[in-house]
Amino acid sequence: MESENAADVGWLFMEIIETPLMRMLYAKEIEHRVIIHKKPAYSCEDVSRERNIPVADILKCILVADKWHKHCLFCLPGDCALDLEKARAFLGTTRLSFATREEAEAVTGQKPGTINPFFHTVKVPIVFDKSILSKTAMDISSGNPNAGVQMQAQMLVLLVNPKFADVLASMPEVKNTWK
């Protein structure tokens, strides 16, 4: 029996997981890996379990809106939280809130939990936390809760061309209680 080559397998996945991101990756022959989930995954924790990867290697995409309802997409490692104060300072605004589920879907064209930094319905600024620059690879949503995409972090940055900022919330100090 002949073995399937990677391109054939890739096209098979694209037929199963048909999203704008998948079409672009195959059309431009961008190196990536598709990971099919056993069940739909919408949170970073679910994705981590389905793909058997650390939450820190998943790109979390958070849509926010300022007081004029202008949106911005912040992308950070899945195990981190967005510091709204830092995000406000970066955007030069005094008020910033998380987008509602309805806003997120209307702006990105993707359901919450499947948002990635590509092909949004409305053009929005995209900001990556600076920590992404130190990553080797990142897992992102394919735009479908049944699969994810892993690619080199440098390629992700090249394709998205985001702005960069330090927007991570500080982690609370954990006291060592071991004796």
C-alpha atoms as a PDB file:
ATOM      1  CA  MET A   1       0.000   0.000   0.000  1.00  0.00           C
ATOM      2  CA  GLU A   2       1.324   3.437  -0.908  1.00  0.00           C
ATOM      3  CA  SER A   3       1.689   5.972   1.865  1.00  0.00           C
ATOM      4  CA  GLU A   4      -0.180   9.240   1.612  1.00  0.00           C
ATOM      5  CA  ASN A   5       2.068  12.236   1.233  1.00  0.00           C
ATOM      6  CA  ALA A   6       1.689  15.243   3.533  1.00  0.00           C
ATOM      7  CA  ALA A   7       0.096  17.420   0.856  1.00  0.00           C
ATOM      8  CA  ASP A   8      -2.645  14.847   0.213  1.00  0.00           C
ATOM      9  CA  VAL A   9      -3.332  14.538   3.928  1.00  0.00           C
ATOM     10  CA  GLY A  10      -3.365  18.338   4.215  1.00  0.00           C
ATOM     11  CA  TRP A  11      -5.965  18.685   1.486  1.00  0.00           C
ATOM     12  CA  LEU A  12      -8.043  16.023   3.211  1.00  0.00           C
ATOM     13  CA  PHE A  13      -7.969  18.064   6.436  1.00  0.00           C
ATOM     14  CA  MET A  14      -8.850  21.209   4.514  1.00  0.00           C
ATOM     15  CA  GLU A  15     -11.940  19.482   3.132  1.00  0.00           C
ATOM     16  CA  ILE A  16     -12.915  18.461   6.659  1.00  0.00           C
ATOM     17  CA  ILE A  17     -11.956  21.798   8.247  1.00  0.00           C
ATOM     18  CA  GLU A  18     -12.923  24.368   5.621  1.00  0.00           C
ATOM     19  CA  THR A  19     -12.089  27.848   6.917  1.00  0.00           C
ATOM     20  CA  PRO A  20     -10.520  30.946   5.353  1.00  0.00           C
ATOM     21  CA  LEU A  21      -7.360  30.337   7.395  1.00  0.00           C
ATOM     22  CA  MET A  22      -7.000  26.765   6.138  1.00  0.00           C
ATOM     23  CA  ARG A  23      -7.526  27.859   2.511  1.00  0.00           C
ATOM     24  CA  MET A  24      -4.838  30.537   2.881  1.00  0.00           C
ATOM     25  CA  LEU A  25      -2.304  28.213   4.523  1.00  0.00           C
ATOM     26  CA  TYR A  26      -2.642  25.610   1.773  1.00  0.00           C
ATOM     27  CA  ALA A  27      -2.816  28.126  -1.093  1.00  0.00           C
ATOM     28  CA  LYS A  28       0.388  29.839   0.067  1.00  0.00           C
ATOM     29  CA  GLU A  29       1.999  26.504   1.003  1.00  0.00           C
ATOM     30  CA  ILE A  30       2.770  27.755   4.502  1.00  0.00           C
ATOM     31  CA  GLU A  31       4.271  25.118   6.750  1.00  0.00           C
ATOM     32  CA  HIS A  32       1.872  24.174   9.515  1.00  0.00           C
ATOM     33  CA  ARG A  33       0.382  21.207  11.303  1.00  0.00           C
ATOM     34  CA  VAL A  34      -3.357  20.557  11.619  1.00  0.00           C
ATOM     35  CA  ILE A  35      -4.528  18.922  14.832  1.00  0.00           C
ATOM     36  CA  ILE A  36      -8.018  17.415  14.695  1.00  0.00           C
ATOM     37  CA  HIS A  37      -9.878  17.349  18.020  1.00  0.00           C
ATOM     38  CA  LYS A  38     -11.878  14.384  19.282  1.00  0.00           C
ATOM     39  CA  LYS A  39     -14.523  16.845  20.463  1.00  0.00           C
ATOM     40  CA  PRO A  40     -15.073  20.588  19.916  1.00  0.00           C
ATOM     41  CA  ALA A  41     -12.827  22.824  22.025  1.00  0.00           C
ATOM     42  CA  TYR A  42     -13.593  26.464  22.810  1.00  0.00           C
ATOM     43  CA  SER A  43     -11.339  27.359  25.758  1.00  0.00           C
ATOM     44  CA  CYS A  44      -7.549  27.301  25.990  1.00  0.00           C
ATOM     45  CA  GLU A  45      -7.836  24.603  28.644  1.00  0.00           C
ATOM     46  CA  ASP A  46     -10.029  22.415  26.405  1.00  0.00           C
ATOM     47  CA  VAL A  47      -7.662  22.971  23.481  1.00  0.00           C
ATOM     48  CA  SER A  48      -4.700  22.035  25.688  1.00  0.00           C
ATOM     49  CA  ARG A  49      -6.361  18.743  26.621  1.00  0.00           C
ATOM     50  CA  GLU A  50      -7.463  17.955  23.063  1.00  0.00           C
ATOM     51  CA  ARG A  51      -4.048  18.694  21.511  1.00  0.00           C
ATOM     52  CA  ASN A  52      -1.960  17.507  24.469  1.00  0.00           C
ATOM     53  CA  ILE A  53       0.041  20.742  24.568  1.00  0.00           C
ATOM     54  CA  PRO A  54       0.791  23.318  27.272  1.00  0.00           C
ATOM     55  CA  VAL A  55      -1.773  26.125  27.586  1.00  0.00           C
ATOM     56  CA  ALA A  56       1.165  28.562  27.268  1.00  0.00           C
ATOM     57  CA  ASP A  57       1.657  27.454  23.631  1.00  0.00           C
ATOM     58  CA  ILE A  58      -1.875  28.436  22.595  1.00  0.00           C
ATOM     59  CA  LEU A  59      -2.579  31.897  21.186  1.00  0.00           C
ATOM     60  CA  LYS A  60      -5.460  33.445  23.142  1.00  0.00           C
ATOM     61  CA  CYS A  61      -7.277  36.157  21.144  1.00  0.00           C
ATOM     62  CA  ILE A  62      -9.258  38.737  23.115  1.00  0.00           C
ATOM     63  CA  LEU A  63     -11.394  41.385  21.431  1.00  0.00           C
ATOM     64  CA  VAL A  64     -11.871  44.645  23.328  1.00  0.00           C
ATOM     65  CA  ALA A  65     -13.786  47.852  22.611  1.00  0.00           C
ATOM     66  CA  ASP A  66     -13.120  51.412  23.691  1.00  0.00           C
ATOM     67  CA  LYS A  67     -15.753  53.989  24.658  1.00  0.00           C
ATOM     68  CA  TRP A  68     -16.257  54.871  20.972  1.00  0.00           C
ATOM     69  CA  HIS A  69     -16.858  51.172  20.168  1.00  0.00           C
ATOM     70  CA  LYS A  70     -13.595  50.901  18.233  1.00  0.00           C
ATOM     71  CA  HIS A  71     -12.269  47.374  18.553  1.00  0.00           C
ATOM     72  CA  CYS A  72      -8.805  45.906  18.958  1.00  0.00           C
ATOM     73  CA  LEU A  73      -7.700  42.263  19.111  1.00  0.00           C
ATOM     74  CA  PHE A  74      -5.091  41.428  21.741  1.00  0.00           C
ATOM     75  CA  CYS A  75      -3.258  38.107  21.366  1.00  0.00           C
ATOM     76  CA  LEU A  76      -1.313  36.521  24.210  1.00  0.00           C
ATOM     77  CA  PRO A  77      -0.220  33.130  25.519  1.00  0.00           C
ATOM     78  CA  GLY A  78      -3.176  31.039  26.684  1.00  0.00           C
ATOM     79  CA  ASP A  79      -1.967  30.816  30.274  1.00  0.00           C
ATOM     80  CA  CYS A  80      -1.828  34.597  30.683  1.00  0.00           C
ATOM     81  CA  ALA A  81      -4.386  37.315  31.343  1.00  0.00           C
ATOM     82  CA  LEU A  82      -4.785  40.659  29.601  1.00  0.00           C
ATOM     83  CA  ASP A  83      -4.042  43.657  31.809  1.00  0.00           C
ATOM     84  CA  LEU A  84      -6.755  46.147  30.804  1.00  0.00           C
ATOM     85  CA  GLU A  85      -4.823  49.036  32.342  1.00  0.00           C
ATOM     86  CA  LYS A  86      -1.780  48.267  30.162  1.00  0.00           C
ATOM     87  CA  ALA A  87      -4.032  47.750  27.130  1.00  0.00           C
ATOM     88  CA  ARG A  88      -5.753  51.109  27.758  1.00  0.00           C
ATOM     89  CA  ALA A  89      -2.391  52.849  28.071  1.00  0.00           C
ATOM     90  CA  PHE A  90      -1.142  51.256  24.844  1.00  0.00           C
ATOM     91  CA  LEU A  91      -4.276  52.318  22.952  1.00  0.00           C
ATOM     92  CA  GLY A  92      -4.348  55.761  24.568  1.00  0.00           C
ATOM     93  CA  THR A  93      -7.882  55.433  25.879  1.00  0.00           C
ATOM     94  CA  THR A  94      -9.440  55.779  29.309  1.00  0.00           C
ATOM     95  CA  ARG A  95     -12.117  53.127  28.914  1.00  0.00           C
ATOM     96  CA  LEU A  96     -11.788  49.624  27.564  1.00  0.00           C
ATOM     97  CA  SER A  97     -14.073  46.630  27.954  1.00  0.00           C
ATOM     98  CA  PHE A  98     -14.216  43.075  26.712  1.00  0.00           C
ATOM     99  CA  ALA A  99     -16.388  42.648  23.636  1.00  0.00           C
ATOM    100  CA  THR A 100     -19.631  40.747  24.065  1.00  0.00           C
ATOM    101  CA  ARG A 101     -20.041  37.370  22.363  1.00  0.00           C
ATOM    102  CA  GLU A 102     -22.263  39.045  19.760  1.00  0.00           C
ATOM    103  CA  GLU A 103     -19.722  41.827  19.101  1.00  0.00           C
ATOM    104  CA  ALA A 104     -16.882  39.315  18.852  1.00  0.00           C
ATOM    105  CA  GLU A 105     -18.717  37.271  16.244  1.00  0.00           C
ATOM    106  CA  ALA A 106     -19.861  40.342  14.280  1.00  0.00           C
ATOM    107  CA  VAL A 107     -16.359  41.869  14.199  1.00  0.00           C
ATOM    108  CA  THR A 108     -14.291  38.730  13.625  1.00  0.00           C
ATOM    109  CA  GLY A 109     -16.748  36.552  11.729  1.00  0.00           C
ATOM    110  CA  GLN A 110     -15.719  33.771  14.126  1.00  0.00           C
ATOM    111  CA  LYS A 111     -17.483  32.346  17.148  1.00  0.00           C
ATOM    112  CA  PRO A 112     -15.884  33.076  20.537  1.00  0.00           C
ATOM    113  CA  GLY A 113     -13.495  30.254  21.303  1.00  0.00           C
ATOM    114  CA  THR A 114     -12.519  29.917  17.629  1.00  0.00           C
ATOM    115  CA  ILE A 115     -11.142  33.415  17.059  1.00  0.00           C
ATOM    116  CA  ASN A 116      -7.745  33.715  15.413  1.00  0.00           C
ATOM    117  CA  PRO A 117      -5.918  36.813  14.121  1.00  0.00           C
ATOM    118  CA  PHE A 118      -6.942  36.271  10.469  1.00  0.00           C
ATOM    119  CA  PHE A 119      -9.814  37.177   8.126  1.00  0.00           C
ATOM    120  CA  HIS A 120     -12.002  39.361  10.300  1.00  0.00           C
ATOM    121  CA  THR A 121     -15.282  40.788   9.053  1.00  0.00           C
ATOM    122  CA  VAL A 122     -14.172  44.253  10.215  1.00  0.00           C
ATOM    123  CA  LYS A 123     -10.535  45.358   9.987  1.00  0.00           C
ATOM    124  CA  VAL A 124      -9.237  45.798  13.532  1.00  0.00           C
ATOM    125  CA  PRO A 125      -5.790  46.550  14.921  1.00  0.00           C
ATOM    126  CA  ILE A 126      -4.058  43.415  16.179  1.00  0.00           C
ATOM    127  CA  VAL A 127      -1.649  43.578  19.101  1.00  0.00           C
ATOM    128  CA  PHE A 128       0.527  40.664  20.191  1.00  0.00           C
ATOM    129  CA  ASP A 129       2.012  40.637  23.647  1.00  0.00           C
ATOM    130  CA  LYS A 130       5.804  40.909  23.390  1.00  0.00           C
ATOM    131  CA  SER A 131       6.186  37.470  24.988  1.00  0.00           C
ATOM    132  CA  ILE A 132       5.033  35.874  21.713  1.00  0.00           C
ATOM    133  CA  LEU A 133       8.391  36.889  20.205  1.00  0.00           C
ATOM    134  CA  SER A 134      10.184  34.420  22.489  1.00  0.00           C
ATOM    135  CA  LYS A 135       8.011  31.477  21.414  1.00  0.00           C
ATOM    136  CA  THR A 136       9.183  28.824  18.969  1.00  0.00           C
ATOM    137  CA  ALA A 137       5.758  27.607  17.870  1.00  0.00           C
ATOM    138  CA  MET A 138       2.183  28.627  18.622  1.00  0.00           C
ATOM    139  CA  ASP A 139      -1.117  26.816  18.291  1.00  0.00           C
ATOM    140  CA  ILE A 140      -4.009  28.868  16.955  1.00  0.00           C
ATOM    141  CA  SER A 141      -7.622  28.151  16.190  1.00  0.00           C
ATOM    142  CA  SER A 142      -8.373  27.038  12.650  1.00  0.00           C
ATOM    143  CA  GLY A 143     -11.606  29.006  12.948  1.00  0.00           C
ATOM    144  CA  ASN A 144     -13.409  25.736  13.635  1.00  0.00           C
ATOM    145  CA  PRO A 145     -13.715  24.231  17.140  1.00  0.00           C
ATOM    146  CA  ASN A 146     -12.884  20.778  15.763  1.00  0.00           C
ATOM    147  CA  ALA A 147      -9.269  21.529  14.802  1.00  0.00           C
ATOM    148  CA  GLY A 148      -6.306  23.707  15.515  1.00  0.00           C
ATOM    149  CA  VAL A 149      -3.219  24.800  13.638  1.00  0.00           C
ATOM    150  CA  GLN A 150       0.344  24.765  14.890  1.00  0.00           C
ATOM    151  CA  MET A 151       2.925  26.936  13.154  1.00  0.00           C
ATOM    152  CA  GLN A 152       6.247  28.570  13.786  1.00  0.00           C
ATOM    153  CA  ALA A 153       5.777  31.722  15.871  1.00  0.00           C
ATOM    154  CA  GLN A 154       7.979  33.708  13.469  1.00  0.00           C
ATOM    155  CA  MET A 155       5.720  32.745  10.547  1.00  0.00           C
ATOM    156  CA  LEU A 156       2.633  33.698  12.553  1.00  0.00           C
ATOM    157  CA  VAL A 157       4.143  37.119  13.270  1.00  0.00           C
ATOM    158  CA  LEU A 158       5.114  37.552   9.606  1.00  0.00           C
ATOM    159  CA  LEU A 159       1.607  36.670   8.387  1.00  0.00           C
ATOM    160  CA  VAL A 160      -0.295  38.788  10.924  1.00  0.00           C
ATOM    161  CA  ASN A 161       2.111  41.759  11.064  1.00  0.00           C
ATOM    162  CA  PRO A 162       0.801  42.848  14.483  1.00  0.00           C
ATOM    163  CA  LYS A 163       1.830  45.666  16.742  1.00  0.00           C
ATOM    164  CA  PHE A 164       3.620  44.572  19.924  1.00  0.00           C
ATOM    165  CA  ALA A 165       3.090  45.686  23.509  1.00  0.00           C
ATOM    166  CA  ASP A 166       3.581  44.490  27.065  1.00  0.00           C
ATOM    167  CA  VAL A 167      -0.041  43.779  28.015  1.00  0.00           C
ATOM    168  CA  LEU A 168       0.174  40.782  30.339  1.00  0.00           C
ATOM    169  CA  ALA A 169      -1.306  40.997  33.811  1.00  0.00           C
ATOM    170  CA  SER A 170       1.252  40.472  36.547  1.00  0.00           C
ATOM    171  CA  MET A 171       1.077  37.099  38.163  1.00  0.00           C
ATOM    172  CA  PRO A 172       0.380  37.208  41.894  1.00  0.00           C
ATOM    173  CA  GLU A 173       3.370  36.278  43.972  1.00  0.00           C
ATOM    174  CA  VAL A 174       3.105  32.745  45.308  1.00  0.00           C
ATOM    175  CA  LYS A 175       4.606  32.222  48.714  1.00  0.00           C
ATOM    176  CA  ASN A 176       6.560  29.062  49.295  1.00  0.00           C
ATOM    177  CA  THR A 177       4.794  27.164  52.061  1.00  0.00           C
ATOM    178  CA  TRP A 178       7.039  24.103  51.856  1.00  0.00           C
ATOM    179  CA  LYS A 179       9.150  23.490  54.935  1.00  0.00           C
END
